Every structure is written in structure tokens, then in C-alpha cells.
N, C-alpha and C. Protein backbone atom coordinates (compact mmCIF):
# COMPACT_ATOMS: atom_id res chain seq x y z
N UNK A 1 34.86 19.48 -21.16
CA UNK A 1 34.33 18.19 -20.78
C UNK A 1 33.95 17.44 -22.06
N UNK A 2 34.38 16.22 -22.16
CA UNK A 2 34.10 15.40 -23.33
C UNK A 2 32.78 14.66 -23.13
N UNK A 3 31.68 15.33 -23.43
CA UNK A 3 30.36 14.74 -23.18
C UNK A 3 30.09 13.54 -24.09
N UNK A 4 30.67 13.53 -25.27
CA UNK A 4 30.49 12.38 -26.17
C UNK A 4 31.07 11.13 -25.53
N UNK A 5 32.27 11.25 -24.97
CA UNK A 5 32.92 10.12 -24.31
C UNK A 5 32.12 9.69 -23.08
N UNK A 6 31.62 10.67 -22.35
CA UNK A 6 30.82 10.36 -21.16
C UNK A 6 29.58 9.57 -21.57
N UNK A 7 28.92 10.00 -22.63
CA UNK A 7 27.73 9.29 -23.11
C UNK A 7 28.09 7.88 -23.59
N UNK A 8 29.24 7.74 -24.23
CA UNK A 8 29.68 6.42 -24.69
C UNK A 8 29.89 5.47 -23.51
N UNK A 9 30.45 5.98 -22.43
CA UNK A 9 30.70 5.15 -21.25
C UNK A 9 29.41 4.68 -20.60
N UNK A 10 28.37 5.52 -20.66
CA UNK A 10 27.12 5.17 -19.99
C UNK A 10 27.36 4.99 -18.50
N UNK A 11 26.81 3.93 -17.94
CA UNK A 11 26.97 3.70 -16.50
C UNK A 11 28.13 2.75 -16.19
N UNK A 12 28.95 2.43 -17.20
CA UNK A 12 30.07 1.51 -17.01
C UNK A 12 30.97 1.88 -15.83
N UNK A 13 31.32 3.17 -15.63
CA UNK A 13 32.21 3.49 -14.50
C UNK A 13 31.63 3.14 -13.13
N UNK A 14 30.31 3.16 -12.99
CA UNK A 14 29.72 2.86 -11.68
C UNK A 14 29.14 1.45 -11.62
N UNK A 15 29.34 0.67 -12.67
CA UNK A 15 28.79 -0.68 -12.71
C UNK A 15 29.24 -1.54 -11.52
N UNK A 16 30.53 -1.47 -11.09
CA UNK A 16 30.91 -2.26 -9.92
C UNK A 16 30.11 -1.89 -8.66
N UNK A 17 29.84 -0.61 -8.46
CA UNK A 17 29.04 -0.21 -7.30
C UNK A 17 27.60 -0.70 -7.44
N UNK A 18 27.05 -0.60 -8.64
CA UNK A 18 25.69 -1.08 -8.85
C UNK A 18 25.60 -2.58 -8.60
N UNK A 19 26.64 -3.32 -8.99
CA UNK A 19 26.66 -4.76 -8.71
C UNK A 19 26.72 -5.04 -7.21
N UNK A 20 27.49 -4.23 -6.48
CA UNK A 20 27.54 -4.39 -5.02
C UNK A 20 26.16 -4.15 -4.42
N UNK A 21 25.46 -3.14 -4.91
CA UNK A 21 24.11 -2.85 -4.42
C UNK A 21 23.19 -4.02 -4.74
N UNK A 22 23.27 -4.53 -5.96
CA UNK A 22 22.43 -5.65 -6.37
C UNK A 22 22.67 -6.87 -5.50
N UNK A 23 23.90 -7.07 -5.06
CA UNK A 23 24.25 -8.27 -4.30
C UNK A 23 23.99 -8.13 -2.80
N UNK A 24 23.48 -6.99 -2.36
CA UNK A 24 23.14 -6.84 -0.94
C UNK A 24 22.00 -7.80 -0.61
N UNK A 25 22.14 -8.51 0.50
CA UNK A 25 21.15 -9.52 0.87
C UNK A 25 20.22 -9.07 1.99
N UNK A 26 20.68 -8.15 2.84
CA UNK A 26 19.85 -7.73 3.97
C UNK A 26 20.29 -6.35 4.43
N UNK A 27 19.58 -5.85 5.41
CA UNK A 27 19.92 -4.56 5.99
C UNK A 27 21.29 -4.54 6.64
N UNK A 28 21.80 -5.72 6.98
CA UNK A 28 23.14 -5.79 7.58
C UNK A 28 24.23 -5.40 6.58
N UNK A 29 23.89 -5.42 5.30
CA UNK A 29 24.86 -5.04 4.27
C UNK A 29 24.91 -3.52 4.05
N UNK A 30 23.94 -2.79 4.58
CA UNK A 30 23.85 -1.35 4.33
C UNK A 30 25.05 -0.58 4.87
N UNK A 31 25.48 -0.77 6.12
CA UNK A 31 26.62 0.01 6.62
C UNK A 31 27.88 -0.13 5.76
N UNK A 32 28.18 -1.33 5.32
CA UNK A 32 29.34 -1.54 4.47
C UNK A 32 29.20 -0.83 3.13
N UNK A 33 27.98 -0.85 2.58
CA UNK A 33 27.74 -0.18 1.31
C UNK A 33 27.85 1.33 1.48
N UNK A 34 27.31 1.85 2.57
CA UNK A 34 27.43 3.29 2.84
C UNK A 34 28.89 3.69 2.97
N UNK A 35 29.68 2.87 3.64
CA UNK A 35 31.11 3.16 3.79
C UNK A 35 31.80 3.17 2.43
N UNK A 36 31.44 2.22 1.58
CA UNK A 36 32.03 2.17 0.24
C UNK A 36 31.66 3.42 -0.57
N UNK A 37 30.41 3.82 -0.49
CA UNK A 37 29.98 5.03 -1.21
C UNK A 37 30.70 6.26 -0.69
N UNK A 38 30.89 6.34 0.63
CA UNK A 38 31.60 7.48 1.22
C UNK A 38 33.05 7.50 0.75
N UNK A 39 33.68 6.33 0.65
CA UNK A 39 35.06 6.27 0.16
C UNK A 39 35.15 6.80 -1.27
N UNK A 40 34.08 6.62 -2.02
CA UNK A 40 34.03 7.09 -3.41
C UNK A 40 33.57 8.55 -3.49
N UNK A 41 33.39 9.17 -2.31
CA UNK A 41 32.93 10.56 -2.18
C UNK A 41 31.54 10.77 -2.80
N UNK A 42 30.69 9.76 -2.64
CA UNK A 42 29.31 9.86 -3.10
C UNK A 42 28.42 10.17 -1.91
N UNK A 43 27.35 10.87 -2.17
CA UNK A 43 26.42 11.21 -1.12
C UNK A 43 25.74 9.98 -0.56
N UNK A 44 25.48 9.99 0.73
CA UNK A 44 24.78 8.88 1.38
C UNK A 44 23.70 9.44 2.28
N UNK A 45 23.30 8.67 3.25
CA UNK A 45 22.25 9.08 4.18
C UNK A 45 22.70 10.15 5.15
N UNK A 46 24.00 10.37 5.23
CA UNK A 46 24.54 11.36 6.15
C UNK A 46 25.81 11.95 5.56
N UNK A 47 26.22 13.06 6.10
CA UNK A 47 27.47 13.68 5.69
C UNK A 47 28.24 14.14 6.91
N UNK A 48 29.52 14.30 6.76
CA UNK A 48 30.33 14.79 7.87
C UNK A 48 31.15 15.98 7.40
N UNK A 49 31.46 16.83 8.34
CA UNK A 49 32.24 18.03 8.08
C UNK A 49 33.09 18.34 9.31
N UNK A 50 34.23 18.92 9.08
CA UNK A 50 35.02 19.47 10.18
C UNK A 50 35.09 20.96 9.94
N UNK A 51 34.67 21.71 10.94
CA UNK A 51 34.63 23.17 10.82
C UNK A 51 34.84 23.78 12.20
N UNK A 52 34.94 25.09 12.22
CA UNK A 52 35.09 25.75 13.51
C UNK A 52 33.86 25.48 14.36
N UNK A 53 34.09 25.21 15.62
CA UNK A 53 33.01 24.97 16.55
C UNK A 53 32.14 26.22 16.64
N UNK A 54 30.84 26.04 16.62
CA UNK A 54 29.91 27.17 16.64
C UNK A 54 29.99 27.97 17.93
N UNK A 55 30.39 27.34 19.02
CA UNK A 55 30.44 28.03 20.31
C UNK A 55 31.87 28.37 20.74
N UNK A 56 32.84 27.71 20.15
CA UNK A 56 34.24 27.94 20.51
C UNK A 56 35.04 28.08 19.22
N UNK A 57 35.10 29.29 18.69
CA UNK A 57 35.70 29.50 17.37
C UNK A 57 37.20 29.21 17.32
N UNK A 58 37.82 29.03 18.48
CA UNK A 58 39.25 28.68 18.50
C UNK A 58 39.46 27.16 18.43
N UNK A 59 38.35 26.41 18.32
CA UNK A 59 38.43 24.95 18.24
C UNK A 59 37.68 24.46 17.01
N UNK A 60 38.01 23.25 16.59
CA UNK A 60 37.30 22.62 15.49
C UNK A 60 36.39 21.53 16.04
N UNK A 61 35.32 21.26 15.30
CA UNK A 61 34.37 20.23 15.72
C UNK A 61 33.97 19.40 14.50
N UNK A 62 33.56 18.17 14.75
CA UNK A 62 33.02 17.32 13.70
C UNK A 62 31.52 17.51 13.68
N UNK A 63 30.98 17.79 12.52
CA UNK A 63 29.55 17.95 12.35
C UNK A 63 29.03 16.80 11.50
N UNK A 64 27.96 16.19 11.96
CA UNK A 64 27.29 15.13 11.22
C UNK A 64 25.95 15.68 10.79
N UNK A 65 25.67 15.58 9.50
CA UNK A 65 24.43 16.16 9.00
C UNK A 65 23.67 15.14 8.16
N UNK A 66 22.39 15.35 8.07
CA UNK A 66 21.52 14.48 7.29
C UNK A 66 21.82 14.68 5.81
N UNK A 67 21.90 13.59 5.09
CA UNK A 67 22.11 13.67 3.65
C UNK A 67 20.81 13.91 2.92
N UNK A 68 20.91 14.34 1.70
CA UNK A 68 19.72 14.55 0.89
C UNK A 68 19.26 13.27 0.23
N UNK A 69 18.00 13.18 -0.02
CA UNK A 69 17.45 12.01 -0.69
C UNK A 69 17.25 12.33 -2.17
N UNK A 70 16.85 13.53 -2.47
CA UNK A 70 16.67 13.86 -3.88
C UNK A 70 15.73 15.01 -4.14
N UNK A 71 14.65 15.10 -3.40
CA UNK A 71 13.74 16.21 -3.58
C UNK A 71 14.28 17.43 -2.82
N UNK A 72 13.91 18.63 -3.26
CA UNK A 72 14.55 19.84 -2.73
C UNK A 72 14.48 20.06 -1.21
N UNK A 73 13.35 19.75 -0.58
CA UNK A 73 13.28 19.92 0.88
C UNK A 73 12.23 19.00 1.47
N UNK A 74 12.17 18.97 2.79
CA UNK A 74 11.32 18.00 3.50
C UNK A 74 9.84 18.12 3.18
N UNK A 75 9.37 19.33 2.83
CA UNK A 75 7.96 19.51 2.54
C UNK A 75 7.50 18.65 1.36
N UNK A 76 8.40 18.39 0.43
CA UNK A 76 8.04 17.53 -0.70
C UNK A 76 7.68 16.12 -0.22
N UNK A 77 8.23 15.70 0.90
CA UNK A 77 7.96 14.36 1.43
C UNK A 77 6.77 14.35 2.38
N UNK A 78 6.48 15.47 3.03
CA UNK A 78 5.47 15.50 4.08
C UNK A 78 4.16 16.17 3.70
N UNK A 79 4.19 17.08 2.73
CA UNK A 79 2.99 17.83 2.34
C UNK A 79 1.94 16.86 1.81
N UNK A 80 0.70 17.01 2.25
CA UNK A 80 -0.36 16.08 1.87
C UNK A 80 -1.19 16.58 0.69
N UNK A 81 -0.80 17.68 0.07
CA UNK A 81 -1.56 18.21 -1.06
C UNK A 81 -1.48 17.28 -2.26
N UNK A 82 -2.45 17.40 -3.14
CA UNK A 82 -2.47 16.56 -4.35
C UNK A 82 -1.23 16.83 -5.20
N UNK A 83 -0.82 18.07 -5.26
CA UNK A 83 0.36 18.44 -6.06
C UNK A 83 1.61 17.73 -5.53
N UNK A 84 1.82 17.78 -4.22
CA UNK A 84 3.00 17.14 -3.62
C UNK A 84 2.92 15.62 -3.76
N UNK A 85 1.73 15.06 -3.61
CA UNK A 85 1.59 13.62 -3.78
C UNK A 85 1.95 13.21 -5.20
N UNK A 86 1.53 14.01 -6.18
CA UNK A 86 1.85 13.71 -7.57
C UNK A 86 3.37 13.77 -7.80
N UNK A 87 4.02 14.78 -7.21
CA UNK A 87 5.48 14.90 -7.34
C UNK A 87 6.16 13.67 -6.73
N UNK A 88 5.71 13.23 -5.55
CA UNK A 88 6.29 12.05 -4.91
C UNK A 88 6.11 10.81 -5.77
N UNK A 89 4.93 10.64 -6.32
CA UNK A 89 4.67 9.47 -7.18
C UNK A 89 5.58 9.50 -8.41
N UNK A 90 5.72 10.68 -9.03
CA UNK A 90 6.59 10.79 -10.20
C UNK A 90 8.05 10.56 -9.82
N UNK A 91 8.44 11.05 -8.67
CA UNK A 91 9.82 10.87 -8.21
C UNK A 91 10.11 9.40 -7.95
N UNK A 92 9.20 8.71 -7.28
CA UNK A 92 9.38 7.28 -7.02
C UNK A 92 9.43 6.49 -8.32
N UNK A 93 8.59 6.87 -9.27
CA UNK A 93 8.62 6.19 -10.57
C UNK A 93 9.96 6.43 -11.26
N UNK A 94 10.48 7.64 -11.15
CA UNK A 94 11.78 7.97 -11.74
C UNK A 94 12.88 7.10 -11.11
N UNK A 95 12.89 7.00 -9.79
CA UNK A 95 13.89 6.19 -9.10
C UNK A 95 13.74 4.72 -9.51
N UNK A 96 12.51 4.23 -9.56
CA UNK A 96 12.28 2.84 -9.96
C UNK A 96 12.77 2.59 -11.38
N UNK A 97 12.53 3.55 -12.26
CA UNK A 97 12.97 3.41 -13.66
C UNK A 97 14.48 3.34 -13.73
N UNK A 98 15.15 4.22 -13.01
CA UNK A 98 16.62 4.20 -12.99
C UNK A 98 17.11 2.87 -12.45
N UNK A 99 16.53 2.43 -11.34
CA UNK A 99 16.96 1.17 -10.73
C UNK A 99 16.74 0.01 -11.69
N UNK A 100 15.56 -0.08 -12.26
CA UNK A 100 15.25 -1.21 -13.15
C UNK A 100 16.11 -1.19 -14.40
N UNK A 101 16.43 -0.03 -14.91
CA UNK A 101 17.24 0.06 -16.12
C UNK A 101 18.71 -0.26 -15.88
N UNK A 102 19.19 -0.06 -14.66
CA UNK A 102 20.62 -0.18 -14.43
C UNK A 102 21.03 -1.23 -13.40
N UNK A 103 20.10 -1.70 -12.61
CA UNK A 103 20.49 -2.63 -11.56
C UNK A 103 19.71 -3.94 -11.62
N UNK A 104 18.43 -3.85 -11.76
CA UNK A 104 17.61 -5.06 -11.62
C UNK A 104 16.50 -5.06 -12.67
N UNK A 105 16.09 -6.23 -13.08
CA UNK A 105 15.01 -6.34 -14.05
C UNK A 105 13.65 -6.17 -13.38
N UNK A 106 13.57 -6.34 -12.07
CA UNK A 106 12.29 -6.27 -11.40
C UNK A 106 12.44 -5.67 -10.00
N UNK A 107 11.62 -4.68 -9.73
CA UNK A 107 11.59 -4.10 -8.39
C UNK A 107 10.12 -3.91 -8.05
N UNK A 108 9.38 -5.00 -8.10
CA UNK A 108 7.94 -4.94 -7.96
C UNK A 108 7.55 -4.37 -6.61
N UNK A 109 6.46 -3.64 -6.63
CA UNK A 109 5.94 -3.03 -5.41
C UNK A 109 6.54 -1.68 -5.10
N UNK A 110 7.59 -1.29 -5.80
CA UNK A 110 8.21 0.00 -5.54
C UNK A 110 7.34 1.09 -6.13
N UNK A 111 7.27 2.21 -5.42
CA UNK A 111 6.55 3.37 -5.94
C UNK A 111 5.26 3.64 -5.25
N UNK A 112 4.92 2.89 -4.22
CA UNK A 112 3.71 3.13 -3.47
C UNK A 112 3.96 4.22 -2.44
N UNK A 113 3.56 5.45 -2.76
CA UNK A 113 3.87 6.58 -1.88
C UNK A 113 2.86 6.78 -0.78
N UNK A 114 1.81 5.99 -0.74
CA UNK A 114 0.85 6.04 0.35
C UNK A 114 -0.04 7.21 0.37
């Protein structure tokens, strides 16, 4: 793997997708964006699989599953401990930093984990 070349490219290869995200105007734009990401084989809010049916092994079935958001499991989002809250705050700040550095100059109000 040519990591030097990858570093030189930076986010240029995904810049068109980031521009599409930046240009989204409302929630009505989300399905189209999700479809575009799926065409690019990028993870989204859901995933699909075709595998043997769990109850009828001689048949295949389509499975729809929840996609990952980023933290290892659901407890990171739901646990009310101070440690988990700190992780959520740091994670939201990380996402905001990535977004602000690559998509938008301002994403005010982001990072309030409640």
C-alpha cells in the first residue's frame, strides 16, 4: 500500500461525496444520499445481506440489519455513567472536528450529548 500517495491525496477522492452532503437542504435529501453511499459500498444507517434462511436452509433470504454509527456497541450510547458520558462527548467532538475540517466551516450546536 502506498501510504505516502494516500496521504498526498488527503480527502480529495471523497470530496465529491462531501460536497453532496454539504449541499443537502433537508431530510428529504437523506434517502438519495444513503443510496449514493451504498452504491459506493460505504456504510450507512443500514446494511443488507443475502444468506441462507435461518429457518429454511434450502432457501435464501434478504436480511436487513442496523448499521454501525461508530462506537463499539449500544451501551456506549445508553450508559449514564460519567465515563460513558465523557466518551460520548469526546466522540461527538471528534465527529464535529472531522466535519468542520472537511465539509463545513461551522456546525454550531453540535456535540451536545445531553
